[in-house]
Amino acid sequence: MNIYKKSFIFKADRFEEYQDGYCINSGQCVIELIAKVINDNCISMLLRGSLPVRINNQFGLPIFGVNSGDVLADRVQYG
């Protein structure tokens, strides 16, 4: 809970792209993901670096709430 609804920066070296529940592309990357909490209902994401072509470099995700599945036993997941 100490990281929930907090802005953060994450450095990624691998990506997976999914469509309809299937992985359609994966590989190595050099990306810095910058997440900023906009308000209690939304977190924005900015991806900087070597981006795979079909992945948007800016997007927002809804914050549903602790009781709606955002916080799991081993992670926080938005959207």
C-alpha atoms as a PDB file:
ATOM      1  CA  MET A   1       0.000   0.000   0.000  1.00  0.00           C
ATOM      2  CA  ASN A   2       2.953   2.376   0.479  1.00  0.00           C
ATOM      3  CA  ILE A   3       3.371   2.666  -3.330  1.00  0.00           C
ATOM      4  CA  TYR A   4      -0.323   2.789  -4.277  1.00  0.00           C
ATOM      5  CA  LYS A   5      -1.424   6.072  -5.895  1.00  0.00           C
ATOM      6  CA  LYS A   6       2.150   7.351  -5.947  1.00  0.00           C
ATOM      7  CA  SER A   7       4.008   8.747  -8.963  1.00  0.00           C
ATOM      8  CA  PHE A   8       7.078   6.725  -9.991  1.00  0.00           C
ATOM      9  CA  ILE A   9       9.747   6.095 -12.636  1.00  0.00           C
ATOM     10  CA  PHE A  10      10.447   2.557 -13.840  1.00  0.00           C
ATOM     11  CA  LYS A  11      13.244   1.480 -16.197  1.00  0.00           C
ATOM     12  CA  ALA A  12      12.271  -1.424 -18.447  1.00  0.00           C
ATOM     13  CA  ASP A  13      14.486  -3.546 -20.678  1.00  0.00           C
ATOM     14  CA  ARG A  14      11.806  -5.896 -22.027  1.00  0.00           C
ATOM     15  CA  PHE A  15       8.282  -5.484 -23.408  1.00  0.00           C
ATOM     16  CA  GLU A  16       5.283  -7.654 -24.302  1.00  0.00           C
ATOM     17  CA  GLU A  17       2.415  -6.447 -26.484  1.00  0.00           C
ATOM     18  CA  TYR A  18      -0.979  -8.141 -26.137  1.00  0.00           C
ATOM     19  CA  GLN A  19      -4.098  -8.130 -28.285  1.00  0.00           C
ATOM     20  CA  ASP A  20      -7.258 -10.074 -27.437  1.00  0.00           C
ATOM     21  CA  GLY A  21      -5.401 -11.934 -24.695  1.00  0.00           C
ATOM     22  CA  TYR A  22      -2.559 -13.133 -26.965  1.00  0.00           C
ATOM     23  CA  CYS A  23       1.037 -11.948 -27.022  1.00  0.00           C
ATOM     24  CA  ILE A  24       1.587 -10.552 -30.524  1.00  0.00           C
ATOM     25  CA  ASN A  25       5.024  -9.015 -30.030  1.00  0.00           C
ATOM     26  CA  SER A  26       7.811  -9.115 -27.452  1.00  0.00           C
ATOM     27  CA  GLY A  27      11.467  -8.296 -27.181  1.00  0.00           C
ATOM     28  CA  GLN A  28      14.105  -6.066 -25.697  1.00  0.00           C
ATOM     29  CA  CYS A  29      13.788  -2.315 -25.239  1.00  0.00           C
ATOM     30  CA  VAL A  30      15.338   0.590 -23.395  1.00  0.00           C
ATOM     31  CA  ILE A  31      12.412   2.471 -21.882  1.00  0.00           C
ATOM     32  CA  GLU A  32      11.850   4.774 -18.967  1.00  0.00           C
ATOM     33  CA  LEU A  33       8.214   4.689 -17.834  1.00  0.00           C
ATOM     34  CA  ILE A  34       7.215   7.853 -16.017  1.00  0.00           C
ATOM     35  CA  ALA A  35       3.942   7.533 -14.111  1.00  0.00           C
ATOM     36  CA  LYS A  36       2.201  10.518 -12.570  1.00  0.00           C
ATOM     37  CA  VAL A  37      -0.963  10.382 -10.498  1.00  0.00           C
ATOM     38  CA  ILE A  38      -3.306  12.998 -11.980  1.00  0.00           C
ATOM     39  CA  ASN A  39      -6.108  12.647  -9.415  1.00  0.00           C
ATOM     40  CA  ASP A  40      -7.876   9.918  -7.404  1.00  0.00           C
ATOM     41  CA  ASN A  41      -9.292   8.449 -10.639  1.00  0.00           C
ATOM     42  CA  CYS A  42      -6.432   8.599 -13.169  1.00  0.00           C
ATOM     43  CA  ILE A  43      -2.704   7.919 -13.562  1.00  0.00           C
ATOM     44  CA  SER A  44      -0.802   9.096 -16.663  1.00  0.00           C
ATOM     45  CA  MET A  45       2.015   7.141 -18.303  1.00  0.00           C
ATOM     46  CA  LEU A  46       4.826   8.478 -20.477  1.00  0.00           C
ATOM     47  CA  LEU A  47       7.262   6.065 -22.155  1.00  0.00           C
ATOM     48  CA  ARG A  48      10.638   7.511 -23.169  1.00  0.00           C
ATOM     49  CA  GLY A  49      13.365   5.732 -25.043  1.00  0.00           C
ATOM     50  CA  SER A  50      13.533   3.004 -27.686  1.00  0.00           C
ATOM     51  CA  LEU A  51       9.834   2.243 -28.205  1.00  0.00           C
ATOM     52  CA  PRO A  52       8.333  -0.641 -30.164  1.00  0.00           C
ATOM     53  CA  VAL A  53       6.331   0.875 -33.016  1.00  0.00           C
ATOM     54  CA  ARG A  54       2.792  -0.151 -32.024  1.00  0.00           C
ATOM     55  CA  ILE A  55       2.947   0.878 -28.362  1.00  0.00           C
ATOM     56  CA  ASN A  56       1.642   4.381 -27.559  1.00  0.00           C
ATOM     57  CA  ASN A  57       4.192   6.508 -25.736  1.00  0.00           C
ATOM     58  CA  GLN A  58       1.557   8.486 -23.758  1.00  0.00           C
ATOM     59  CA  PHE A  59      -1.650   7.218 -22.202  1.00  0.00           C
ATOM     60  CA  GLY A  60      -3.781   7.354 -19.083  1.00  0.00           C
ATOM     61  CA  LEU A  61      -5.152   4.535 -16.965  1.00  0.00           C
ATOM     62  CA  PRO A  62      -8.106   4.566 -14.610  1.00  0.00           C
ATOM     63  CA  ILE A  63      -7.579   4.096 -10.889  1.00  0.00           C
ATOM     64  CA  PHE A  64     -10.416   1.793  -9.859  1.00  0.00           C
ATOM     65  CA  GLY A  65      -9.637   1.536  -6.142  1.00  0.00           C
ATOM     66  CA  VAL A  66      -8.358  -0.994  -3.639  1.00  0.00           C
ATOM     67  CA  ASN A  67     -11.713  -2.785  -3.425  1.00  0.00           C
ATOM     68  CA  SER A  68     -11.927  -3.046  -7.225  1.00  0.00           C
ATOM     69  CA  GLY A  69      -8.670  -4.932  -7.818  1.00  0.00           C
ATOM     70  CA  ASP A  70      -5.944  -2.298  -8.076  1.00  0.00           C
ATOM     71  CA  VAL A  71      -3.942  -3.787  -5.196  1.00  0.00           C
ATOM     72  CA  LEU A  72      -3.124  -7.503  -5.365  1.00  0.00           C
ATOM     73  CA  ALA A  73      -1.135  -9.620  -2.914  1.00  0.00           C
ATOM     74  CA  ASP A  74       2.133  -9.124  -4.845  1.00  0.00           C
ATOM     75  CA  ARG A  75       1.634  -5.982  -6.987  1.00  0.00           C
ATOM     76  CA  VAL A  76      -0.291  -2.855  -7.829  1.00  0.00           C
ATOM     77  CA  GLN A  77      -2.009  -2.881 -11.219  1.00  0.00           C
ATOM     78  CA  TYR A  78      -3.758   0.065 -12.813  1.00  0.00           C
ATOM     79  CA  GLY A  79      -6.272   0.027 -15.643  1.00  0.00           C
END
